[in-house]
């Protein structure tokens, strides 16, 4: 998790999920919900996490070994496949003392295309009692790597329903966006359509592709702001310059949580233009929930875990990945009919709060873990998880 007092250091989708689940389970324990909860947490900036992780894992290995020996733990929930690797050396002592194990699987933590890691992944599954992927696409990736159907239970990610609020006046939100970011030139006027994206600048996010192939086809009064950074930042800058899209397209870099909220609230549509990349999948897409919570519906690629977040017409629209014309058509729908934006914003916020609130998701995790403790395997299906099979065109690494 991020270091105390430095929330921008090492806070991606996986880290945010761990943080909010940690808080929610702590609250359940404090409320006397027949739960005793202890967390073993590494707080580190992204710069040092790879150095500190081995020492952290050794410390956790030791703590779990003695917790099992002393019969002070019933279930261990690993927050990703990285920490779940400890289930392999601990398998004997944990099972001998009746301790159940489960791991949350996000996507990249199971598909990382490093041959030794891929050799090890099936052995981690064999050591676990339950595998809890965050989406059907992630479940499919787990099954392809050796997880058994009866040990897999999809539990979707959640969102803190109090973190963001939908603006009462989008025009005022646009003004506050400019004031908060202190940008020059100022944000586009209220009659312009402002698109935004948030995420690490890597190939699978599709930001470079979108700027290169979609933005030149959109009207001059459509603007696109991107928050985040990463190895593809310079490549995105290059296509902005090549098409002379500045200041319509702006790279904001890493921004604070307050400015992130301003960006969501001041934008009209959230864009998630992911492209398929071998070995690098989008397990879920928490930023889609954050945007929708602010009343910003999404236009997103129909790809991988994104499909478990976007419900057509409720919190956005899905289009074929790498189909520039499909993105243009979906965006032009709102550009040509701006009166549809306000109703779409209300639907997105209402749907997201009702389906993905952390209170509901935390209860789903607790239900799955209690069933695991009692019956030795997770429930076949949980209440808050999607039950429909993935469309046949879904691509997984």
Protein backbone atom coordinates (compact mmCIF):
# COMPACT_ATOMS: atom_id res chain seq x y z
CA UNK A 1 0.00 0.00 0.00
CA UNK A 2 1.11 3.65 -0.36
CA UNK A 3 3.31 5.08 2.39
CA UNK A 4 1.45 6.95 5.12
CA UNK A 5 0.87 10.55 4.09
CA UNK A 6 1.98 9.93 0.48
CA UNK A 7 -1.14 8.65 -1.30
CA UNK A 8 0.20 9.25 -4.81
CA UNK A 9 3.12 6.85 -4.33
CA UNK A 10 2.19 3.40 -5.60
CA UNK A 11 -1.60 3.63 -5.81
CA UNK A 12 -2.95 1.83 -8.85
CA UNK A 13 -6.10 -0.23 -9.21
CA UNK A 14 -4.75 -3.28 -7.36
CA UNK A 15 -3.43 -1.17 -4.50
CA UNK A 16 -6.70 0.73 -4.17
CA UNK A 17 -8.66 -2.52 -3.99
CA UNK A 18 -6.37 -3.82 -1.24
CA UNK A 19 -6.64 -0.54 0.65
CA UNK A 20 -10.45 -0.35 0.55
CA UNK A 21 -10.94 -4.04 1.37
CA UNK A 22 -8.50 -3.64 4.27
CA UNK A 23 -10.57 -0.73 5.60
CA UNK A 24 -13.89 -2.51 5.07
CA UNK A 25 -12.80 -5.71 6.83
CA UNK A 26 -11.36 -3.67 9.69
CA UNK A 27 -14.73 -1.93 10.10
CA UNK A 28 -16.55 -5.29 10.11
CA UNK A 29 -14.25 -6.55 12.87
CA UNK A 30 -14.74 -3.37 14.90
CA UNK A 31 -18.52 -3.71 14.56
CA UNK A 32 -18.44 -7.18 16.12
CA UNK A 33 -19.41 -9.05 12.96
CA UNK A 34 -18.10 -12.41 14.30
CA UNK A 35 -14.78 -11.54 12.73
CA UNK A 36 -11.28 -11.16 14.10
CA UNK A 37 -9.08 -9.49 11.50
CA UNK A 38 -5.35 -8.92 11.30
CA UNK A 39 -3.57 -7.36 8.31
CA UNK A 40 0.06 -7.81 7.29
CA UNK A 41 0.79 -4.79 5.14
CA UNK A 42 3.76 -3.46 3.19
CA UNK A 43 3.69 0.32 2.76
CA UNK A 44 6.16 1.44 0.12
CA UNK A 45 6.56 3.84 -2.78
CA UNK A 46 6.68 2.27 -6.23
CA UNK A 47 10.39 3.13 -6.44
CA UNK A 48 11.34 0.87 -3.52
CA UNK A 49 8.63 -1.78 -3.58
CA UNK A 50 10.71 -4.29 -5.54
CA UNK A 51 13.54 -3.98 -3.01
CA UNK A 52 11.34 -4.23 0.06
CA UNK A 53 8.95 -6.95 -1.13
CA UNK A 54 11.31 -9.96 -0.57
CA UNK A 55 11.91 -8.92 3.06
CA UNK A 56 8.19 -8.36 3.55
CA UNK A 57 7.36 -11.81 2.17
CA UNK A 58 9.88 -13.45 4.52
CA UNK A 59 8.31 -11.65 7.47
CA UNK A 60 4.80 -12.72 6.42
CA UNK A 61 5.98 -16.30 5.88
CA UNK A 62 7.25 -16.42 9.46
CA UNK A 63 4.10 -14.81 10.91
CA UNK A 64 1.73 -17.16 9.06
CA UNK A 65 3.77 -20.23 9.99
CA UNK A 66 3.47 -19.49 13.69
CA UNK A 67 -0.17 -18.36 13.44
CA UNK A 68 -1.02 -21.76 11.96
CA UNK A 69 1.03 -23.64 14.55
CA UNK A 70 -0.71 -21.76 17.36
CA UNK A 71 -4.19 -22.21 15.80
CA UNK A 72 -4.86 -18.45 15.85
CA UNK A 73 -6.03 -18.15 12.23
CA UNK A 74 -8.84 -19.79 10.24
CA UNK A 75 -8.52 -18.23 6.80
CA UNK A 76 -5.71 -16.35 5.04
CA UNK A 77 -6.73 -13.98 2.23
CA UNK A 78 -3.84 -12.96 -0.03
CA UNK A 79 -4.39 -9.64 -1.81
CA UNK A 80 -2.79 -10.80 -5.08
CA UNK A 81 -0.98 -13.71 -6.69
CA UNK A 82 2.33 -12.16 -5.62
CA UNK A 83 1.72 -12.66 -1.92
CA UNK A 84 -0.23 -15.86 -2.64
CA UNK A 85 3.10 -17.41 -3.66
CA UNK A 86 3.63 -17.94 0.08
CA UNK A 87 0.89 -20.59 0.03
CA UNK A 88 3.33 -22.94 -1.72
CA UNK A 89 5.99 -23.24 1.01
CA UNK A 90 3.30 -22.95 3.71
CA UNK A 91 0.92 -25.50 2.22
CA UNK A 92 1.91 -28.35 4.53
CA UNK A 93 1.64 -26.50 7.84
CA UNK A 94 -1.51 -24.59 6.84
CA UNK A 95 -3.43 -27.67 5.75
CA UNK A 96 -2.18 -29.74 8.67
CA UNK A 97 -3.72 -27.18 11.02
CA UNK A 98 -6.92 -26.69 8.99
CA UNK A 99 -6.14 -23.16 7.77
CA UNK A 100 -7.92 -22.26 4.50
CA UNK A 101 -6.29 -20.00 1.92
CA UNK A 102 -7.73 -17.74 -0.76
CA UNK A 103 -6.22 -15.20 -3.14
CA UNK A 104 -7.63 -12.21 -5.00
CA UNK A 105 -6.52 -12.29 -8.64
CA UNK A 106 -6.57 -9.02 -10.57
CA UNK A 107 -5.29 -9.87 -14.03
CA UNK A 108 -1.68 -8.92 -14.65
CA UNK A 109 -0.64 -10.76 -11.49
CA UNK A 110 -1.62 -14.01 -13.22
CA UNK A 111 -0.77 -13.22 -16.87
CA UNK A 112 2.72 -11.66 -16.50
CA UNK A 113 4.59 -13.21 -19.47
CA UNK A 114 7.75 -14.22 -17.61
CA UNK A 115 8.36 -17.97 -18.21
CA UNK A 116 9.56 -18.84 -14.67
CA UNK A 117 6.58 -16.95 -13.21
CA UNK A 118 4.14 -18.74 -15.53
CA UNK A 119 5.71 -22.06 -14.51
CA UNK A 120 5.06 -21.16 -10.87
CA UNK A 121 1.45 -19.90 -11.22
CA UNK A 122 -0.18 -23.39 -11.46
CA UNK A 123 1.71 -24.43 -8.33
CA UNK A 124 0.25 -21.45 -6.47
CA UNK A 125 -3.24 -22.49 -7.56
CA UNK A 126 -2.59 -26.03 -6.33
CA UNK A 127 -1.62 -24.65 -2.91
CA UNK A 128 -4.75 -22.47 -2.56
CA UNK A 129 -8.20 -23.53 -1.46
CA UNK A 130 -9.97 -20.68 -3.27
CA UNK A 131 -9.18 -18.34 -6.14
CA UNK A 132 -11.17 -15.08 -6.21
CA UNK A 133 -10.71 -13.32 -9.58
CA UNK A 134 -12.14 -9.82 -9.92
CA UNK A 135 -13.80 -10.49 -13.29
CA UNK A 136 -14.87 -13.25 -15.64
CA UNK A 137 -11.93 -12.46 -17.93
CA UNK A 138 -9.54 -12.92 -15.04
CA UNK A 139 -11.31 -16.16 -14.12
CA UNK A 140 -10.78 -17.38 -17.66
CA UNK A 141 -7.07 -16.54 -17.42
CA UNK A 142 -6.88 -18.47 -14.13
CA UNK A 143 -8.60 -21.51 -15.62
CA UNK A 144 -6.21 -21.49 -18.56
CA UNK A 145 -3.31 -21.64 -16.09
CA UNK A 146 -4.51 -24.54 -14.02
CA UNK A 147 -7.08 -23.26 -11.52
CA UNK A 148 -9.90 -25.75 -11.03
CA UNK A 149 -13.46 -24.68 -11.71
CA UNK A 150 -14.64 -25.65 -8.22
CA UNK A 151 -12.05 -23.45 -6.49
CA UNK A 152 -12.78 -20.29 -8.52
CA UNK A 153 -15.35 -17.69 -7.47
CA UNK A 154 -15.63 -14.26 -9.14
CA UNK A 155 -15.89 -11.34 -6.72
CA UNK A 156 -16.00 -7.96 -8.49
CA UNK A 157 -14.12 -4.91 -7.27
CA UNK A 158 -15.87 -2.19 -5.32
CA UNK A 159 -15.80 1.54 -4.79
CA UNK A 160 -16.12 3.83 -1.79
CA UNK A 161 -19.52 5.40 -2.38
CA UNK A 162 -18.56 8.46 -0.30
CA UNK A 163 -15.30 9.18 -2.11
CA UNK A 164 -16.74 11.14 -5.05
CA UNK A 165 -20.00 12.96 -5.64
CA UNK A 166 -21.74 13.82 -8.89
CA UNK A 167 -21.62 17.59 -9.54
CA UNK A 168 -24.86 19.54 -9.43
CA UNK A 169 -23.64 21.83 -12.20
CA UNK A 170 -21.23 20.52 -14.83
CA UNK A 171 -20.42 24.07 -15.96
CA UNK A 172 -19.27 25.00 -12.47
CA UNK A 173 -17.32 21.72 -12.27
CA UNK A 174 -15.51 22.68 -15.50
CA UNK A 175 -14.48 26.00 -13.96
CA UNK A 176 -13.26 24.29 -10.76
CA UNK A 177 -11.25 21.87 -12.87
CA UNK A 178 -9.28 24.75 -14.39
CA UNK A 179 -8.77 26.39 -11.00
CA UNK A 180 -7.60 23.18 -9.35
CA UNK A 181 -5.10 22.20 -12.03
CA UNK A 182 -4.02 25.79 -12.73
CA UNK A 183 -3.73 24.98 -16.43
CA UNK A 184 -3.01 27.33 -19.29
CA UNK A 185 -4.82 27.74 -21.57
CA UNK A 186 -7.97 27.33 -19.52
CA UNK A 187 -10.25 24.27 -19.86
CA UNK A 188 -12.58 24.18 -22.86
CA UNK A 189 -15.85 26.09 -22.52
CA UNK A 190 -18.98 24.33 -21.27
CA UNK A 191 -20.33 23.85 -24.79
CA UNK A 192 -17.26 21.80 -25.72
CA UNK A 193 -17.15 18.05 -25.11
CA UNK A 194 -14.38 17.11 -22.69
CA UNK A 195 -13.15 13.52 -22.67
CA UNK A 196 -10.78 12.19 -20.01
CA UNK A 197 -8.74 9.10 -19.24
CA UNK A 198 -6.85 8.06 -16.12
CA UNK A 199 -4.20 5.39 -15.84
CA UNK A 200 -0.63 4.32 -16.25
CA UNK A 201 0.77 5.11 -19.69
CA UNK A 202 1.35 1.59 -20.97
CA UNK A 203 0.43 0.05 -24.31
CA UNK A 204 -2.65 -1.88 -23.14
CA UNK A 205 -4.35 1.32 -21.95
CA UNK A 206 -4.61 2.41 -25.60
CA UNK A 207 -4.00 6.13 -24.98
CA UNK A 208 -1.47 6.45 -27.80
CA UNK A 209 -3.75 4.57 -30.19
CA UNK A 210 -6.74 6.76 -29.29
CA UNK A 211 -4.86 10.04 -29.76
CA UNK A 212 -3.37 8.81 -33.03
CA UNK A 213 -6.46 7.31 -34.66
CA UNK A 214 -9.60 8.69 -32.99
CA UNK A 215 -8.92 12.29 -31.94
CA UNK A 216 -8.06 13.50 -35.50
CA UNK A 217 -11.52 12.28 -36.63
CA UNK A 218 -13.44 14.19 -33.96
CA UNK A 219 -14.66 17.81 -34.21
CA UNK A 220 -12.37 20.62 -33.06
CA UNK A 221 -14.66 21.23 -30.11
CA UNK A 222 -13.90 17.79 -28.60
CA UNK A 223 -11.02 17.84 -26.09
CA UNK A 224 -9.17 14.99 -24.39
CA UNK A 225 -7.26 15.15 -21.07
CA UNK A 226 -5.14 12.25 -19.79
CA UNK A 227 -3.99 11.87 -16.17
CA UNK A 228 -1.12 9.59 -15.21
CA UNK A 229 2.33 8.77 -16.50
CA UNK A 230 4.40 5.80 -17.57
CA UNK A 231 6.77 4.41 -20.18
CA UNK A 232 4.54 5.47 -23.10
CA UNK A 233 4.18 9.11 -22.08
CA UNK A 234 6.68 10.38 -24.66
CA UNK A 235 5.10 8.29 -27.39
CA UNK A 236 1.74 9.90 -26.60
CA UNK A 237 3.35 13.35 -26.72
CA UNK A 238 4.82 12.49 -30.12
CA UNK A 239 1.43 11.68 -31.67
CA UNK A 240 -0.08 14.83 -30.11
CA UNK A 241 2.61 16.85 -31.86
CA UNK A 242 2.35 14.87 -35.08
CA UNK A 243 -1.36 15.67 -35.40
CA UNK A 244 -1.00 19.17 -33.91
CA UNK A 245 -3.62 18.36 -31.28
CA UNK A 246 -2.35 20.61 -28.49
CA UNK A 247 -4.13 22.10 -26.54
CA UNK A 248 -7.11 19.87 -27.42
CA UNK A 249 -5.16 16.90 -26.04
CA UNK A 250 -3.36 17.48 -22.73
CA UNK A 251 -1.19 15.19 -20.64
CA UNK A 252 -1.71 16.14 -17.01
CA UNK A 253 0.82 13.80 -15.40
CA UNK A 254 0.17 12.45 -11.93
CA UNK A 255 -2.46 14.47 -10.10
CA UNK A 256 -3.74 14.57 -6.53
CA UNK A 257 -6.94 12.86 -5.41
CA UNK A 258 -8.65 16.25 -5.22
CA UNK A 259 -7.69 17.08 -8.78
CA UNK A 260 -8.65 13.58 -9.89
CA UNK A 261 -12.14 14.25 -8.57
CA UNK A 262 -12.18 17.61 -10.38
CA UNK A 263 -11.16 15.90 -13.61
CA UNK A 264 -13.93 13.31 -13.36
CA UNK A 265 -16.53 15.91 -12.42
CA UNK A 266 -15.48 18.43 -15.05
CA UNK A 267 -15.42 15.94 -17.92
CA UNK A 268 -18.36 14.78 -19.99
CA UNK A 269 -17.22 11.26 -20.92
CA UNK A 270 -14.59 8.87 -19.60
CA UNK A 271 -12.60 7.06 -22.27
CA UNK A 272 -11.02 3.62 -21.74
CA UNK A 273 -9.59 2.71 -25.16
CA UNK A 274 -7.70 -0.44 -24.17
CA UNK A 275 -6.02 -2.56 -26.82
CA UNK A 276 -5.18 -6.28 -26.54
CA UNK A 277 -1.60 -6.95 -25.49
CA UNK A 278 -0.20 -10.46 -25.09
CA UNK A 279 0.49 -11.15 -21.41
CA UNK A 280 -0.93 -7.83 -20.14
CA UNK A 281 -4.65 -7.77 -19.44
CA UNK A 282 -7.10 -5.33 -17.86
CA UNK A 283 -8.47 -7.37 -14.99
CA UNK A 284 -11.26 -4.97 -14.06
CA UNK A 285 -10.96 -1.17 -14.38
CA UNK A 286 -11.58 0.60 -11.07
CA UNK A 287 -11.22 4.01 -12.74
CA UNK A 288 -14.44 3.29 -14.63
CA UNK A 289 -16.25 3.08 -11.29
CA UNK A 290 -14.64 6.27 -10.02
CA UNK A 291 -15.69 8.18 -13.14
CA UNK A 292 -19.22 6.83 -13.07
CA UNK A 293 -19.52 7.75 -9.40
CA UNK A 294 -18.91 11.34 -10.50
CA UNK A 295 -21.61 11.04 -13.14
CA UNK A 296 -19.17 10.59 -16.02
CA UNK A 297 -20.30 7.69 -18.24
CA UNK A 298 -17.68 5.72 -20.13
CA UNK A 299 -16.95 4.82 -23.71
CA UNK A 300 -14.76 1.74 -23.31
CA UNK A 301 -13.27 -1.11 -25.30
CA UNK A 302 -15.21 -4.37 -25.10
CA UNK A 303 -12.21 -6.20 -23.74
CA UNK A 304 -11.29 -8.42 -20.79
CA UNK A 305 -12.42 -7.30 -17.31
CA UNK A 306 -13.86 -4.02 -18.59
CA UNK A 307 -16.92 -6.02 -19.66
CA UNK A 308 -17.75 -6.76 -16.02
CA UNK A 309 -17.85 -3.05 -15.19
CA UNK A 310 -19.78 -1.45 -18.05
CA UNK A 311 -23.44 -2.30 -18.48
CA UNK A 312 -24.64 -0.99 -21.82
CA UNK A 313 -26.67 2.19 -21.41
CA UNK A 314 -26.42 2.15 -17.60
CA UNK A 315 -22.93 3.47 -16.89
CA UNK A 316 -21.60 3.76 -20.41
CA UNK A 317 -21.10 1.95 -23.68
CA UNK A 318 -18.80 -0.78 -24.96
CA UNK A 319 -17.27 -0.66 -28.45
CA UNK A 320 -14.97 -2.98 -30.33
CA UNK A 321 -11.31 -2.53 -29.34
CA UNK A 322 -9.08 -0.80 -31.90
CA UNK A 323 -12.14 0.25 -33.91
CA UNK A 324 -11.68 3.98 -34.40
CA UNK A 325 -14.98 4.44 -36.21
CA UNK A 326 -16.90 2.76 -33.38
CA UNK A 327 -15.33 5.13 -30.84
CA UNK A 328 -16.08 8.14 -33.05
CA UNK A 329 -19.72 7.07 -33.46
CA UNK A 330 -20.21 6.56 -29.71
CA UNK A 331 -18.65 9.92 -28.86
CA UNK A 332 -20.52 11.79 -31.64
CA UNK A 333 -23.78 10.49 -30.17
CA UNK A 334 -23.24 12.81 -27.21
CA UNK A 335 -21.53 15.59 -29.14
CA UNK A 336 -24.49 15.85 -31.52
CA UNK A 337 -27.07 15.41 -28.76
CA UNK A 338 -25.64 17.08 -25.61
CA UNK A 339 -29.05 16.94 -23.93
CA UNK A 340 -28.39 13.21 -23.41
CA UNK A 341 -25.39 13.85 -21.16
CA UNK A 342 -27.29 14.78 -17.98
CA UNK A 343 -29.57 11.70 -17.98
CA UNK A 344 -26.57 9.47 -18.76
CA UNK A 345 -24.67 11.00 -15.83
CA UNK A 346 -27.53 10.26 -13.42
CA UNK A 347 -27.84 6.67 -14.63
CA UNK A 348 -24.09 6.06 -14.29
CA UNK A 349 -23.90 7.35 -10.71
CA UNK A 350 -27.02 5.47 -9.56
CA UNK A 351 -26.02 2.16 -11.13
CA UNK A 352 -22.46 2.29 -9.79
CA UNK A 353 -23.44 3.09 -6.20
CA UNK A 354 -26.02 0.32 -6.13
CA UNK A 355 -23.91 -2.44 -7.64
CA UNK A 356 -20.31 -1.72 -6.67
CA UNK A 357 -20.40 -0.10 -3.22
CA UNK A 358 -17.64 -1.45 -0.98
CA UNK A 359 -20.08 -2.32 1.79
CA UNK A 360 -21.72 -4.83 -0.55
CA UNK A 361 -18.43 -6.12 -1.99
CA UNK A 362 -16.85 -6.59 1.47
CA UNK A 363 -19.89 -8.62 2.54
CA UNK A 364 -19.43 -10.75 -0.57
CA UNK A 365 -15.82 -11.46 0.38
CA UNK A 366 -16.83 -12.34 3.92
CA UNK A 367 -19.55 -14.68 2.65
CA UNK A 368 -17.09 -16.43 0.35
CA UNK A 369 -14.48 -16.80 3.10
CA UNK A 370 -16.97 -18.07 5.68
CA UNK A 371 -18.25 -20.67 3.21
CA UNK A 372 -14.65 -21.66 2.54
CA UNK A 373 -13.96 -22.03 6.25
CA UNK A 374 -17.07 -24.14 6.80
CA UNK A 375 -17.18 -26.26 3.64
CA UNK A 376 -13.59 -26.22 2.40
CA UNK A 377 -14.43 -24.59 -0.93
CA UNK A 378 -15.85 -21.22 -2.04
CA UNK A 379 -19.46 -20.84 -3.18
CA UNK A 380 -20.01 -21.62 -6.85
CA UNK A 381 -21.50 -18.17 -7.36
CA UNK A 382 -21.77 -15.08 -5.18
CA UNK A 383 -24.63 -12.65 -5.17
CA UNK A 384 -22.73 -9.63 -6.46
CA UNK A 385 -20.81 -11.40 -9.24
CA UNK A 386 -21.85 -11.52 -12.90
CA UNK A 387 -23.19 -14.94 -13.87
CA UNK A 388 -23.29 -14.70 -17.66
CA UNK A 389 -20.45 -16.32 -19.61
CA UNK A 390 -18.00 -14.08 -21.40
CA UNK A 391 -18.74 -13.33 -25.05
CA UNK A 392 -16.83 -15.62 -27.37
CA UNK A 393 -14.80 -12.78 -28.86
CA UNK A 394 -13.03 -11.97 -25.60
CA UNK A 395 -9.26 -12.17 -25.90
CA UNK A 396 -7.16 -13.26 -22.95
CA UNK A 397 -3.41 -13.58 -22.67
